Amino acid sequence: MDHFKQITAFVSVGVRGSLSAAARAEGVTPAIIGRRIDALEQRLGVKLLIRTTRKVSLTFEGAAFLEDCQRLLDDMANAEAAVSLGGVKASGHLRLSAPAGFGRLHVAPRLMEYLESHAEITAHLDLSDRIVDLVNENIDCTVRIGELTDSSLVSVRLGEMRRVVVGSPAYFAQYAVPSAPTFLAAHNCLSLGPQRGWSFRIDGMVQTVKVGGVFECNDGAVLHEWALAGKGLAWRSLWEVGADIAAGRLVTVLDDFAAPPVGIYAVFPQRRQLPLRVRLFIDLLRQTYSDAAYWQTA
C-alpha cells in the first residue's frame, strides 16, 4: 500500500507541477506528498523530481518513469471498472471540450444522445479551437484530432480521419479533373488562411504542394460553402464533407495521392480512476467514430 501511495503521489506531482496542487487533489498536506516522493526516490535509488522553492520539474528518469506509472494506474482503473460496471450507475457532471467545427457536428449530437440515455448526468461542452488546460480548467475529457504532444495526458484513439480534395460537379463541368497534385497549379484552390500547402503522398513520401487561388479565409466552413457553390477546389477533412460526397454535392479528386489519415483521440488527465460517466461517453465516441460508414452519413 505504501508503494502504491508513493507512485500515485509522484504521478499527481508530475502531472500538476507542484506539491501543493498534488496535495489538494489527494486531500493531504504538501509535507505528506513530499515524504512519499522522498521514500520513492530512496527506494528506487534515483532522482525523479527537481524541487526548488518556485517549481517542480521532472528529471530525465522521472519523465520516463511518469509515463510508465500513468499507464499502470490507468490499466488498474480500467480493470476495477470492468468488474464494477454491472453494479454502478453513471451520474454526476461531465465537462467536455472539442474543436469548434468538429464538436458542433460530431460531438454535440453524440452528447445529446448520451444524456438522453443517462438521466442522472449533466454536461458542459466547451467548443473552442484553442488547446485547453485540462487540469487547471477541470475538464474531464477533450476530443483532439492529429498528433498529440503533451505526454502528461492520457489518450484513447477513437478513430481516424483523412483530408480530401473536393470540388462540385458544376466546377468540374468547366475545368478538367486534376490527375496529379502538380496539376493543382491550373485550378482555383480555396485556401485556409496563410496557405502552407496541401499534403499528399507522392512516390511513397508525404509532400506538401503549394497551391494558389483568388480567395482565402480562416474559416473552413466558408471554404466548404464556396466549394459547394462551384467556386474552386478545397482540401477539407472527411468529417466535414463526407455527407456531401455521399450525396453527390461534392466529388473527390487525387484520392490515389491522399496523405495518411490522422487519429481522433479522447484525451484526459491521469487519474487514479476515470469516472464511469467519462468512460461510457468515450466508449460511445469510439464505437461511433470507428465505423467508416458513419462519416458518409453524419
Protein backbone atom coordinates (compact mmCIF):
# COMPACT_ATOMS: atom_id res chain seq x y z
CA MET A 1 0.00 0.00 0.00
CA ASP A 2 2.87 2.40 0.81
CA HIS A 3 4.39 1.74 -2.60
CA PHE A 4 1.07 2.49 -4.29
CA LYS A 5 0.71 5.78 -2.39
CA GLN A 6 4.23 6.77 -3.37
CA ILE A 7 3.53 6.17 -7.05
CA THR A 8 0.18 8.00 -7.02
CA ALA A 9 1.81 10.93 -5.22
CA PHE A 10 4.59 11.04 -7.82
CA VAL A 11 2.12 10.94 -10.73
CA SER A 12 0.00 13.65 -9.16
CA VAL A 13 3.02 15.94 -8.69
CA GLY A 14 4.35 15.16 -12.16
CA VAL A 15 1.03 16.00 -13.82
CA ARG A 16 0.16 19.06 -11.74
CA GLY A 17 3.64 20.52 -11.41
CA SER A 18 3.67 21.23 -7.69
CA LEU A 19 3.45 19.50 -4.32
CA SER A 20 0.71 21.83 -3.13
CA ALA A 21 -1.54 21.13 -6.14
CA ALA A 22 -1.00 17.39 -5.74
CA ALA A 23 -1.73 17.66 -2.01
CA ARG A 24 -5.04 19.42 -2.69
CA ALA A 25 -6.02 16.75 -5.20
CA GLU A 26 -5.07 13.93 -2.82
CA GLY A 27 -6.66 15.59 0.22
CA VAL A 28 -3.45 15.58 2.28
CA THR A 29 -0.75 18.10 3.22
CA PRO A 30 2.20 19.00 0.95
CA ALA A 31 4.52 17.59 3.61
CA ILE A 32 2.94 14.14 3.26
CA ILE A 33 3.30 14.29 -0.51
CA GLY A 34 6.93 15.31 -0.09
CA ARG A 35 7.66 12.40 2.25
CA ARG A 36 6.09 9.94 -0.19
CA ILE A 37 8.25 11.28 -3.02
CA ASP A 38 11.36 11.09 -0.83
CA ALA A 39 10.58 7.49 0.07
CA LEU A 40 10.00 6.58 -3.57
CA GLU A 41 13.28 8.13 -4.71
CA GLN A 42 15.16 6.44 -1.87
CA ARG A 43 13.61 3.07 -2.67
CA LEU A 44 14.44 3.37 -6.39
CA GLY A 45 17.83 4.95 -5.85
CA VAL A 46 17.23 7.65 -8.47
CA LYS A 47 16.20 11.30 -8.50
CA LEU A 48 12.78 11.72 -10.10
CA LEU A 49 11.98 15.37 -9.38
CA ILE A 50 13.95 18.59 -9.12
CA ARG A 51 12.32 20.66 -6.42
CA THR A 52 13.01 24.35 -5.83
CA THR A 53 11.09 26.96 -3.86
CA ARG A 54 9.42 28.11 -7.09
CA LYS A 55 8.66 24.99 -9.11
CA VAL A 56 8.93 21.25 -9.50
CA SER A 57 10.30 19.67 -12.70
CA LEU A 58 10.94 16.12 -13.83
CA THR A 59 14.39 14.65 -14.33
CA PHE A 60 15.04 12.58 -17.44
CA GLU A 61 14.47 9.41 -15.41
CA GLY A 62 11.41 10.95 -13.80
CA ALA A 63 9.78 11.74 -17.16
CA ALA A 64 10.24 8.16 -18.36
CA PHE A 65 9.00 6.73 -15.06
CA LEU A 66 5.97 9.05 -15.08
CA GLU A 67 4.80 7.66 -18.41
CA ASP A 68 5.06 4.08 -17.14
CA CYS A 69 3.28 4.94 -13.90
CA GLN A 70 0.45 6.70 -15.71
CA ARG A 71 -0.10 3.64 -17.88
CA LEU A 72 -0.04 1.38 -14.79
CA LEU A 73 -2.62 3.44 -12.91
CA ASP A 74 -4.82 3.72 -15.97
CA ASP A 75 -4.77 -0.04 -16.51
CA MET A 76 -5.63 -0.59 -12.86
CA ALA A 77 -8.55 1.84 -13.04
CA ASN A 78 -9.88 0.12 -16.16
CA ALA A 79 -9.56 -3.29 -14.52
CA GLU A 80 -11.52 -2.11 -11.48
CA ALA A 81 -14.14 -0.53 -13.71
CA ALA A 82 -14.58 -3.69 -15.75
CA VAL A 83 -15.74 -5.66 -12.71
CA SER A 84 -17.90 -2.89 -11.27
CA LEU A 85 -19.87 -1.73 -14.31
CA GLY A 86 -22.77 -4.04 -13.58
CA GLY A 87 -23.49 -2.55 -10.19
CA VAL A 88 -22.66 1.13 -10.72
CA LYS A 89 -24.88 3.74 -12.33
CA ALA A 90 -23.31 6.66 -14.17
CA SER A 91 -24.08 10.05 -12.61
CA GLY A 92 -22.60 13.48 -11.99
CA HIS A 93 -21.44 16.39 -14.12
CA LEU A 94 -19.44 15.75 -17.31
CA ARG A 95 -17.13 18.52 -18.52
CA LEU A 96 -16.03 18.17 -22.16
CA SER A 97 -14.07 20.12 -24.74
CA ALA A 98 -13.76 19.75 -28.52
CA PRO A 99 -12.67 21.74 -31.60
CA ALA A 100 -15.45 24.11 -32.61
CA GLY A 101 -16.40 22.81 -36.06
CA PHE A 102 -15.84 19.13 -35.34
CA GLY A 103 -17.53 19.39 -31.95
CA ARG A 104 -20.59 21.07 -33.39
CA LEU A 105 -21.13 18.32 -35.96
CA HIS A 106 -19.77 15.20 -34.29
CA VAL A 107 -19.57 15.66 -30.52
CA ALA A 108 -22.66 17.69 -29.59
CA PRO A 109 -25.12 15.28 -31.30
CA ARG A 110 -23.47 12.31 -29.59
CA LEU A 111 -23.61 14.14 -26.27
CA MET A 112 -27.34 14.76 -26.70
CA GLU A 113 -27.82 11.08 -27.43
CA TYR A 114 -25.72 10.19 -24.38
CA LEU A 115 -27.65 12.46 -21.99
CA GLU A 116 -30.95 11.07 -23.20
CA SER A 117 -29.74 7.60 -22.16
CA HIS A 118 -28.30 8.70 -18.78
CA ALA A 119 -30.81 10.80 -16.92
CA GLU A 120 -28.56 11.34 -13.87
CA ILE A 121 -25.75 13.00 -15.83
CA THR A 122 -25.45 16.71 -16.63
CA ALA A 123 -22.84 18.09 -19.01
CA HIS A 124 -20.90 21.17 -20.07
CA LEU A 125 -19.42 21.26 -23.58
CA ASP A 126 -16.77 23.84 -24.48
CA LEU A 127 -16.33 24.23 -28.25
CA SER A 128 -13.08 26.03 -28.99
CA ASP A 129 -10.10 25.64 -31.30
CA ARG A 130 -7.65 26.59 -28.55
CA ILE A 131 -5.73 23.91 -26.63
CA VAL A 132 -7.47 23.74 -23.26
CA ASP A 133 -5.62 23.09 -20.00
CA LEU A 134 -7.50 20.02 -18.80
CA VAL A 135 -6.08 20.03 -15.27
CA ASN A 136 -6.41 23.72 -14.41
CA GLU A 137 -9.74 24.13 -16.21
CA ASN A 138 -11.12 20.95 -14.62
CA ILE A 139 -12.04 19.35 -17.95
CA ASP A 140 -12.83 15.62 -17.78
CA CYS A 141 -12.12 14.86 -21.42
CA THR A 142 -11.33 16.64 -24.67
CA VAL A 143 -11.50 15.43 -28.25
CA ARG A 144 -8.43 16.21 -30.36
CA ILE A 145 -7.52 15.47 -33.96
CA GLY A 146 -3.95 14.90 -35.08
CA GLU A 147 -0.62 14.48 -33.34
CA LEU A 148 -0.62 14.64 -29.54
CA THR A 149 2.36 16.32 -27.89
CA ASP A 150 1.54 16.51 -24.17
CA SER A 151 2.94 13.37 -22.56
CA SER A 152 1.39 14.24 -19.18
CA LEU A 153 -2.06 13.38 -20.55
CA VAL A 154 -3.64 10.04 -21.38
CA SER A 155 -5.30 9.40 -24.73
CA VAL A 156 -7.61 6.83 -26.28
CA ARG A 157 -7.75 6.53 -30.07
CA LEU A 158 -11.37 6.85 -31.19
CA GLY A 159 -10.92 6.56 -34.93
CA GLU A 160 -9.05 8.13 -37.81
CA MET A 161 -9.68 10.94 -40.24
CA ARG A 162 -8.27 11.89 -43.63
CA ARG A 163 -8.42 15.01 -45.74
CA VAL A 164 -9.63 15.04 -49.33
CA VAL A 165 -9.58 17.46 -52.24
CA VAL A 166 -13.14 18.21 -53.30
CA GLY A 167 -14.97 20.21 -55.92
CA SER A 168 -18.56 20.41 -57.07
CA PRO A 169 -19.92 18.77 -60.23
CA ALA A 170 -20.57 22.30 -61.55
CA TYR A 171 -16.89 23.16 -61.13
CA PHE A 172 -15.73 20.04 -62.96
CA ALA A 173 -18.18 20.78 -65.76
CA GLN A 174 -15.95 23.79 -66.54
CA TYR A 175 -12.48 22.55 -65.56
CA ALA A 176 -10.54 19.33 -66.10
CA VAL A 177 -10.14 16.91 -63.20
CA PRO A 178 -6.52 17.09 -61.96
CA SER A 179 -4.76 13.74 -62.37
CA ALA A 180 -1.80 14.58 -60.11
CA PRO A 181 -1.08 17.18 -57.40
CA THR A 182 1.13 19.19 -59.76
CA PHE A 183 -1.93 19.97 -61.89
CA LEU A 184 -3.47 21.93 -58.99
CA ALA A 185 -1.49 24.93 -60.23
CA ALA A 186 -4.07 25.27 -63.01
CA HIS A 187 -7.00 25.38 -60.56
CA ASN A 188 -8.53 27.92 -58.21
CA CYS A 189 -7.68 26.41 -54.80
CA LEU A 190 -9.62 27.77 -51.82
CA SER A 191 -7.08 28.36 -49.06
CA LEU A 192 -7.41 28.29 -45.29
CA GLY A 193 -5.68 31.49 -44.15
CA PRO A 194 -1.96 31.90 -44.93
CA GLN A 195 -1.52 28.81 -47.07
CA ARG A 196 1.17 26.32 -46.07
CA GLY A 197 0.16 23.93 -48.83
CA TRP A 198 -1.81 20.71 -49.15
CA SER A 199 -0.28 17.37 -48.16
CA PHE A 200 -0.13 14.36 -50.46
CA ARG A 201 1.64 11.02 -50.61
CA ILE A 202 3.89 11.21 -53.67
CA ASP A 203 6.35 8.43 -54.54
CA GLY A 204 5.78 6.88 -51.13
CA MET A 205 6.56 10.08 -49.20
CA VAL A 206 4.30 12.75 -47.72
CA GLN A 207 4.96 16.02 -49.50
CA THR A 208 3.45 19.49 -49.26
CA VAL A 209 2.26 21.05 -52.51
CA LYS A 210 1.85 24.80 -52.66
CA VAL A 211 -1.50 25.91 -54.09
CA GLY A 212 -2.98 29.24 -55.02
CA GLY A 213 -6.27 30.89 -55.87
CA VAL A 214 -8.31 34.06 -55.73
CA PHE A 215 -9.72 33.51 -52.24
CA GLU A 216 -8.54 32.51 -48.79
CA CYS A 217 -10.39 32.51 -45.48
CA ASN A 218 -9.55 31.48 -41.93
CA ASP A 219 -12.96 29.79 -41.55
CA GLY A 220 -13.10 26.31 -43.06
CA ALA A 221 -16.89 26.38 -43.16
CA VAL A 222 -16.74 29.26 -45.64
CA LEU A 223 -14.35 27.32 -47.90
CA HIS A 224 -16.75 24.39 -47.70
CA GLU A 225 -19.63 26.57 -48.86
CA TRP A 226 -17.58 28.05 -51.71
CA ALA A 227 -16.63 24.57 -52.89
CA LEU A 228 -20.31 23.58 -52.87
CA ALA A 229 -21.07 26.70 -54.90
CA GLY A 230 -18.57 25.64 -57.58
CA LYS A 231 -16.05 28.42 -56.88
CA GLY A 232 -12.97 26.19 -56.68
CA LEU A 233 -11.29 23.19 -55.07
CA ALA A 234 -10.96 22.78 -51.31
CA TRP A 235 -8.86 20.49 -49.12
CA ARG A 236 -11.19 19.50 -46.33
CA SER A 237 -11.49 16.85 -43.63
CA LEU A 238 -13.82 13.97 -44.32
CA TRP A 239 -15.71 14.75 -41.11
CA GLU A 240 -16.85 17.98 -42.73
CA VAL A 241 -17.60 16.92 -46.32
CA GLY A 242 -18.39 13.21 -46.04
CA ALA A 243 -22.16 13.66 -46.29
CA ASP A 244 -21.80 15.98 -49.30
CA ILE A 245 -19.63 13.40 -51.06
CA ALA A 246 -22.16 10.65 -50.36
CA ALA A 247 -24.97 12.85 -51.70
CA GLY A 248 -23.05 13.81 -54.85
CA ARG A 249 -22.85 17.51 -53.96
CA LEU A 250 -19.04 17.25 -53.91
CA VAL A 251 -16.63 14.99 -55.75
CA THR A 252 -13.21 13.90 -54.51
CA VAL A 253 -10.11 14.03 -56.67
CA LEU A 254 -6.50 12.90 -56.22
CA ASP A 255 -7.59 10.08 -53.90
CA ASP A 256 -4.62 7.95 -55.02
CA PHE A 257 -2.33 10.64 -53.59
CA ALA A 258 -4.15 11.11 -50.27
CA ALA A 259 -1.89 11.65 -47.25
CA PRO A 260 -2.10 9.10 -44.41
CA PRO A 261 -5.04 9.60 -42.05
CA VAL A 262 -4.60 11.23 -38.66
CA GLY A 263 -6.01 9.97 -35.38
CA ILE A 264 -9.05 11.21 -33.49
CA TYR A 265 -8.40 10.97 -29.75
CA ALA A 266 -10.16 11.32 -26.43
CA VAL A 267 -7.65 12.97 -24.10
CA PHE A 268 -7.95 13.20 -20.33
CA PRO A 269 -5.77 13.89 -17.29
CA GLN A 270 -4.23 10.94 -15.48
CA ARG A 271 -6.43 9.98 -12.58
CA ARG A 272 -6.49 7.01 -10.29
CA GLN A 273 -9.96 6.10 -11.53
CA LEU A 274 -11.65 7.60 -14.56
CA PRO A 275 -15.30 8.35 -13.63
CA LEU A 276 -17.84 5.99 -15.15
CA ARG A 277 -19.67 8.89 -16.83
CA VAL A 278 -16.46 9.75 -18.72
CA ARG A 279 -15.61 6.16 -19.68
CA LEU A 280 -19.08 5.49 -21.04
CA PHE A 281 -19.03 8.62 -23.18
CA ILE A 282 -15.57 7.75 -24.53
CA ASP A 283 -16.90 4.28 -25.40
CA LEU A 284 -19.81 5.85 -27.30
CA LEU A 285 -17.46 8.07 -29.32
CA ARG A 286 -15.12 5.18 -30.08
CA GLN A 287 -17.99 2.99 -31.26
CA THR A 288 -19.28 5.82 -33.46
CA TYR A 289 -16.04 7.11 -34.96
CA SER A 290 -14.57 3.68 -35.69
CA ASP A 291 -17.46 2.96 -38.07
CA ALA A 292 -16.36 4.08 -41.55
CA ALA A 293 -19.99 4.30 -42.69
CA TYR A 294 -20.69 6.96 -40.06
CA TRP A 295 -18.58 9.56 -41.87
CA GLN A 296 -20.63 9.13 -45.03
CA THR A 297 -23.96 9.78 -43.35
CA ALA A 298 -23.31 12.02 -40.31
